[in-house]
Amino acid sequence: MPARHAVPPSLRGQIFLGSWAVSTGVLTHGQLRGPAWRRLFRDVYVEAAVPDTHRLRARAAASLLVPGAVVTGASAAVLWGVDLVGVGDEVELTLPPGAHPRRHPGLVVRRTVLLDADVRVHAGVRVSTPEATVLRLARALPRDDAVVAADWLVRVTGIDLEALRERAGAPGAAPPRVRAVCALADGLAESPPETRVRLLLRGGGLPQPVAQYEIRHRGSFVARVDFAWPELKVALEYDGAWHGEKGQFAQDRRRLNRLQEAGWRVVFVTAADLHDPARLRATVRAALAG
């Protein structure tokens, strides 16, 4: 960890151009090459104590490397609080047609027309709105991955899903794959695996469950389950890593006992089950058959 006194107060926590810092006398070439600084891109630096994240790199790229660019795609999702990509992934920027920016390793620059209504200043840079980000990801990602991203963005940012579907369904507005993603998203999942479970349950003749269903028994709250078939009193829960937290096991067992006392059967799904859709559907089908 570099000594704090090695960092000029004006640069603490700031993203800056190394050439500017040297030309203005804030730093020397030797200091810039020292351990107090982290190089994000060519000529773009930040204090080494600042955590290196995709969010940081997206802000640096849009504000310093490609002025006027809009952060889009998965990089925009990260700025909105949805971590679809990591620090080592390319930052996606978009410029108007005809722009010819200098190429930079670590960036991918698209050229397309963005409506003013689809761009907002957020985290100090221009970024595609959550709605425009969903539409972009629906074009760029495999269907299920895009639905996961859409659900997450809807939940985190409060997107009006019905308005988004109307926009995607307007004549000539979007290709069928985009309309399909918007139709499949529901914004109810509390984690990406829950969306994947919901998508895997589709088809195979299974009735559609109710997501985030609140179970009550004799007028009292019992539990809110990930998915439920209320008429059959069957619930499905995604069993994530958080169940290993201290004290969580005992809480889970008490919760399961309350569900069973209320006459409910519970099917638990783990990450491994997501890799065997046929087996998962068979397990659910057997539970629904009683």
Protein backbone atom coordinates (compact mmCIF):
# COMPACT_ATOMS: atom_id res chain seq x y z
CA MET A 1 0.00 0.00 0.00
CA PRO A 2 1.59 3.29 -1.06
CA ALA A 3 2.12 5.99 1.52
CA ARG A 4 -0.67 8.55 1.51
CA HIS A 5 1.83 11.43 1.59
CA ALA A 6 3.09 10.34 -1.87
CA VAL A 7 -0.28 11.30 -3.38
CA PRO A 8 -0.97 15.01 -4.03
CA PRO A 9 -4.30 15.97 -2.44
CA SER A 10 -5.66 17.11 -5.83
CA LEU A 11 -5.27 13.59 -7.23
CA ARG A 12 -6.55 11.52 -4.34
CA GLY A 13 -9.25 9.20 -5.61
CA GLN A 14 -9.27 10.97 -8.99
CA ILE A 15 -8.97 9.53 -12.50
CA PHE A 16 -6.51 11.62 -14.53
CA LEU A 17 -4.36 11.76 -17.64
CA GLY A 18 -0.74 11.09 -16.87
CA SER A 19 0.39 13.48 -19.60
CA TRP A 20 -1.63 16.27 -17.99
CA ALA A 21 -0.21 15.57 -14.52
CA VAL A 22 3.36 15.68 -15.85
CA SER A 23 2.89 18.72 -18.10
CA THR A 24 1.36 20.75 -15.27
CA GLY A 25 4.07 19.75 -12.82
CA VAL A 26 1.75 17.85 -10.46
CA LEU A 27 3.85 14.70 -10.95
CA THR A 28 7.19 13.82 -12.54
CA HIS A 29 7.60 10.93 -14.98
CA GLY A 30 9.36 9.01 -12.24
CA GLN A 31 6.58 9.55 -9.74
CA LEU A 32 3.96 8.50 -12.29
CA ARG A 33 5.78 5.19 -12.75
CA GLY A 34 5.87 4.63 -8.97
CA PRO A 35 3.71 2.36 -6.81
CA ALA A 36 1.32 5.15 -5.78
CA TRP A 37 -0.52 4.94 -9.12
CA ARG A 38 -2.48 2.39 -11.11
CA ARG A 39 -2.56 2.57 -14.91
CA LEU A 40 -6.08 1.88 -16.18
CA PHE A 41 -5.57 2.58 -19.88
CA ARG A 42 -2.93 4.22 -21.98
CA ASP A 43 -2.16 7.56 -20.25
CA VAL A 44 -5.05 7.11 -17.77
CA TYR A 45 -4.21 6.68 -14.10
CA VAL A 46 -5.76 6.55 -10.65
CA GLU A 47 -4.43 6.30 -7.14
CA ALA A 48 -3.37 2.69 -6.46
CA ALA A 49 -5.42 2.66 -3.26
CA VAL A 50 -8.63 2.97 -5.31
CA PRO A 51 -10.11 -0.50 -6.02
CA ASP A 52 -9.85 -1.52 -9.67
CA THR A 53 -13.36 -2.23 -10.96
CA HIS A 54 -15.20 -2.30 -14.28
CA ARG A 55 -17.24 0.67 -13.06
CA LEU A 56 -14.06 2.69 -12.54
CA ARG A 57 -12.72 1.75 -15.96
CA ALA A 58 -16.01 2.60 -17.68
CA ARG A 59 -16.01 6.05 -16.08
CA ALA A 60 -12.37 6.58 -17.03
CA ALA A 61 -12.91 5.51 -20.63
CA ALA A 62 -15.98 7.69 -21.20
CA SER A 63 -14.64 10.78 -19.45
CA LEU A 64 -11.02 10.81 -20.57
CA LEU A 65 -10.27 8.41 -23.42
CA VAL A 66 -13.26 8.90 -25.73
CA PRO A 67 -14.92 12.23 -24.86
CA GLY A 68 -18.53 12.39 -25.97
CA ALA A 69 -18.96 8.62 -25.89
CA VAL A 70 -21.88 6.92 -24.14
CA VAL A 71 -21.31 3.89 -21.93
CA THR A 72 -23.59 1.13 -23.24
CA GLY A 73 -24.27 -2.60 -23.06
CA ALA A 74 -22.97 -4.62 -20.14
CA SER A 75 -20.75 -1.72 -19.08
CA ALA A 76 -23.83 0.48 -18.71
CA ALA A 77 -25.47 -2.27 -16.67
CA VAL A 78 -22.51 -2.18 -14.28
CA LEU A 79 -22.92 1.59 -13.84
CA TRP A 80 -26.59 0.98 -12.98
CA GLY A 81 -25.61 -1.54 -10.30
CA VAL A 82 -25.85 -4.79 -12.24
CA ASP A 83 -22.47 -6.51 -12.37
CA LEU A 84 -22.66 -8.45 -15.62
CA VAL A 85 -18.94 -8.14 -16.37
CA GLY A 86 -15.74 -7.88 -14.40
CA VAL A 87 -12.72 -5.64 -14.26
CA GLY A 88 -10.90 -7.53 -17.00
CA ASP A 89 -13.71 -7.32 -19.55
CA GLU A 90 -13.78 -4.74 -22.32
CA VAL A 91 -15.64 -1.50 -21.69
CA GLU A 92 -18.36 -0.85 -24.27
CA LEU A 93 -18.79 2.69 -25.56
CA THR A 94 -21.01 4.05 -28.31
CA LEU A 95 -20.38 7.00 -30.62
CA PRO A 96 -22.43 8.48 -33.46
CA PRO A 97 -21.94 7.09 -36.99
CA GLY A 98 -18.95 8.62 -38.72
CA ALA A 99 -16.87 9.00 -35.58
CA HIS A 100 -13.34 7.64 -35.78
CA PRO A 101 -11.88 7.42 -32.28
CA ARG A 102 -8.37 6.21 -31.59
CA ARG A 103 -8.26 2.54 -30.71
CA HIS A 104 -7.47 1.61 -27.13
CA PRO A 105 -6.87 -1.86 -25.69
CA GLY A 106 -9.63 -2.74 -23.25
CA LEU A 107 -12.33 -0.83 -25.13
CA VAL A 108 -14.88 -1.78 -27.75
CA VAL A 109 -16.46 1.20 -29.49
CA ARG A 110 -19.72 0.87 -31.41
CA ARG A 111 -21.06 3.41 -33.87
CA THR A 112 -24.80 3.86 -33.97
CA VAL A 113 -27.48 6.48 -33.44
CA LEU A 114 -28.68 6.86 -29.86
CA LEU A 115 -31.79 8.87 -29.12
CA ASP A 116 -31.34 11.71 -26.65
CA ALA A 117 -34.06 10.13 -24.52
CA ASP A 118 -31.95 6.98 -24.23
CA VAL A 119 -28.93 8.75 -22.72
CA ARG A 120 -28.54 10.04 -19.19
CA VAL A 121 -25.69 11.47 -17.15
CA HIS A 122 -24.99 8.97 -14.38
CA ALA A 123 -21.89 8.31 -12.26
CA GLY A 124 -20.37 11.39 -13.86
CA VAL A 125 -20.53 10.13 -17.46
CA ARG A 126 -23.04 9.71 -20.26
CA VAL A 127 -24.64 6.27 -20.06
CA SER A 128 -27.54 4.55 -21.79
CA THR A 129 -30.72 4.52 -19.71
CA PRO A 130 -31.69 1.27 -17.99
CA GLU A 131 -34.39 0.73 -20.63
CA ALA A 132 -32.00 1.26 -23.55
CA THR A 133 -29.47 -0.95 -21.80
CA VAL A 134 -31.97 -3.82 -21.63
CA LEU A 135 -32.75 -3.44 -25.33
CA ARG A 136 -29.04 -3.43 -26.20
CA LEU A 137 -28.34 -6.53 -24.10
CA ALA A 138 -31.34 -8.31 -25.62
CA ARG A 139 -29.62 -7.93 -28.99
CA ALA A 140 -26.13 -8.84 -27.80
CA LEU A 141 -26.57 -11.72 -25.35
CA PRO A 142 -28.00 -15.24 -25.64
CA ARG A 143 -31.70 -15.21 -24.79
CA ASP A 144 -31.54 -16.61 -21.26
CA ASP A 145 -28.56 -14.43 -20.33
CA ALA A 146 -30.43 -11.40 -21.64
CA VAL A 147 -33.54 -12.27 -19.60
CA VAL A 148 -31.37 -12.62 -16.49
CA ALA A 149 -29.89 -9.18 -17.17
CA ALA A 150 -33.32 -7.68 -17.85
CA ASP A 151 -34.80 -9.08 -14.62
CA TRP A 152 -31.86 -7.73 -12.65
CA LEU A 153 -32.05 -4.27 -14.22
CA VAL A 154 -35.81 -4.09 -13.73
CA ARG A 155 -35.41 -4.94 -10.05
CA VAL A 156 -32.46 -2.63 -9.39
CA THR A 157 -33.54 0.42 -11.37
CA GLY A 158 -37.34 0.24 -11.30
CA ILE A 159 -37.84 -0.01 -15.07
CA ASP A 160 -41.49 0.12 -16.15
CA LEU A 161 -41.56 -3.33 -17.74
CA GLU A 162 -44.92 -2.87 -19.46
CA ALA A 163 -43.74 0.35 -21.10
CA LEU A 164 -40.56 -1.40 -22.20
CA ARG A 165 -42.56 -4.23 -23.75
CA GLU A 166 -44.74 -1.73 -25.58
CA ARG A 167 -41.67 -0.01 -26.95
CA ALA A 168 -40.08 -3.27 -28.07
CA GLY A 169 -43.34 -4.39 -29.65
CA ALA A 170 -43.92 -1.26 -31.72
CA PRO A 171 -43.81 -1.91 -35.49
CA GLY A 172 -40.20 -1.96 -36.66
CA ALA A 173 -38.85 -1.03 -33.23
CA ALA A 174 -37.01 -4.23 -32.39
CA PRO A 175 -36.22 -7.67 -33.81
CA PRO A 176 -38.12 -10.74 -32.54
CA ARG A 177 -35.33 -11.76 -30.14
CA VAL A 178 -35.59 -8.42 -28.32
CA ARG A 179 -39.37 -8.70 -28.06
CA ALA A 180 -38.98 -12.24 -26.72
CA VAL A 181 -36.55 -11.14 -24.00
CA CYS A 182 -38.86 -8.33 -22.87
CA ALA A 183 -41.81 -10.71 -22.84
CA LEU A 184 -39.96 -13.27 -20.72
CA ALA A 185 -38.61 -10.80 -18.16
CA ASP A 186 -40.72 -10.24 -15.06
CA GLY A 187 -38.38 -8.37 -12.68
CA LEU A 188 -39.44 -10.51 -9.71
CA ALA A 189 -36.34 -12.65 -9.23
CA GLU A 190 -34.17 -11.76 -6.27
CA SER A 191 -31.07 -13.31 -7.84
CA PRO A 192 -29.90 -14.31 -11.34
CA PRO A 193 -30.21 -18.05 -10.55
CA GLU A 194 -33.89 -17.56 -9.74
CA THR A 195 -34.45 -16.23 -13.25
CA ARG A 196 -32.61 -19.24 -14.68
CA VAL A 197 -34.78 -21.59 -12.62
CA ARG A 198 -37.92 -19.87 -13.90
CA LEU A 199 -36.77 -20.21 -17.50
CA LEU A 200 -35.89 -23.88 -17.04
CA LEU A 201 -39.34 -24.57 -15.65
CA ARG A 202 -40.92 -23.32 -18.84
CA GLY A 203 -41.99 -26.02 -21.23
CA GLY A 204 -42.11 -29.72 -20.52
CA GLY A 205 -45.82 -29.50 -19.80
CA LEU A 206 -45.28 -27.93 -16.38
CA PRO A 207 -47.80 -25.36 -15.15
CA GLN A 208 -46.27 -21.94 -14.58
CA PRO A 209 -45.56 -21.15 -10.92
CA VAL A 210 -46.23 -17.92 -9.08
CA ALA A 211 -43.01 -16.06 -8.28
CA GLN A 212 -42.28 -14.60 -4.83
CA TYR A 213 -45.42 -16.09 -3.35
CA GLU A 214 -46.38 -15.25 0.24
CA ILE A 215 -47.68 -18.27 2.15
CA ARG A 216 -50.07 -17.76 5.04
CA HIS A 217 -51.60 -20.37 7.31
CA ARG A 218 -54.53 -19.80 9.65
CA GLY A 219 -54.20 -16.08 9.12
CA SER A 220 -50.49 -15.90 9.95
CA PHE A 221 -47.49 -15.34 7.72
CA VAL A 222 -45.42 -18.49 7.16
CA ALA A 223 -42.89 -17.65 4.45
CA ARG A 224 -42.33 -16.02 1.09
CA VAL A 225 -41.06 -18.62 -1.37
CA ASP A 226 -39.26 -18.19 -4.68
CA PHE A 227 -41.92 -20.08 -6.66
CA ALA A 228 -45.21 -21.68 -5.75
CA TRP A 229 -48.08 -23.70 -7.16
CA PRO A 230 -50.63 -22.53 -4.55
CA GLU A 231 -53.46 -24.84 -5.58
CA LEU A 232 -51.17 -27.85 -5.08
CA LYS A 233 -49.30 -26.47 -2.07
CA VAL A 234 -45.93 -27.06 -3.69
CA ALA A 235 -43.09 -24.54 -3.34
CA LEU A 236 -39.71 -24.35 -5.04
CA GLU A 237 -36.71 -22.63 -3.46
CA TYR A 238 -33.32 -21.87 -4.97
CA ASP A 239 -30.78 -22.97 -2.36
CA GLY A 240 -27.94 -20.46 -2.79
CA ALA A 241 -24.60 -20.06 -1.05
CA TRP A 242 -26.07 -17.69 1.52
CA HIS A 243 -27.53 -20.71 3.32
CA GLY A 244 -24.08 -21.35 4.74
CA GLU A 245 -24.08 -18.15 6.78
CA LYS A 246 -23.79 -18.44 10.55
CA GLY A 247 -27.11 -19.37 12.11
CA GLN A 248 -28.81 -19.65 8.72
CA PHE A 249 -29.07 -23.45 8.80
CA ALA A 250 -31.18 -23.41 11.97
CA GLN A 251 -33.38 -20.63 10.56
CA ASP A 252 -33.89 -22.59 7.34
CA ARG A 253 -34.92 -25.69 9.27
CA ARG A 254 -37.44 -23.76 11.36
CA ARG A 255 -38.81 -22.17 8.20
CA LEU A 256 -39.12 -25.58 6.51
CA ASN A 257 -40.93 -26.97 9.54
CA ARG A 258 -43.44 -24.10 9.39
CA LEU A 259 -44.06 -24.76 5.70
CA GLN A 260 -44.60 -28.47 6.30
CA GLU A 261 -46.92 -27.77 9.21
CA ALA A 262 -48.95 -25.58 6.82
CA GLY A 263 -49.25 -28.56 4.47
CA TRP A 264 -46.69 -27.48 1.87
CA ARG A 265 -44.10 -29.59 0.08
CA VAL A 266 -40.84 -27.85 -0.83
CA VAL A 267 -38.52 -28.66 -3.73
CA PHE A 268 -34.99 -27.32 -3.29
CA VAL A 269 -32.88 -26.44 -6.32
CA THR A 270 -29.12 -25.92 -6.26
CA ALA A 271 -26.66 -24.57 -8.81
CA ALA A 272 -25.87 -28.12 -9.92
CA ASP A 273 -29.54 -28.68 -10.85
CA LEU A 274 -29.38 -25.84 -13.36
CA HIS A 275 -27.04 -27.97 -15.48
CA ASP A 276 -29.60 -30.79 -15.78
CA PRO A 277 -32.90 -29.23 -16.87
CA ALA A 278 -34.56 -32.56 -17.67
CA ARG A 279 -33.91 -33.90 -14.21
CA LEU A 280 -35.07 -30.66 -12.59
CA ARG A 281 -38.34 -30.73 -14.52
CA ALA A 282 -38.85 -34.40 -13.61
CA THR A 283 -38.34 -33.63 -9.93
CA VAL A 284 -40.85 -30.78 -10.05
CA ARG A 285 -43.32 -32.87 -12.04
CA ALA A 286 -43.16 -35.61 -9.43
CA ALA A 287 -43.75 -33.11 -6.63
CA LEU A 288 -46.73 -31.63 -8.41
CA ALA A 289 -48.17 -35.11 -8.96
CA GLY A 290 -48.06 -35.68 -5.21
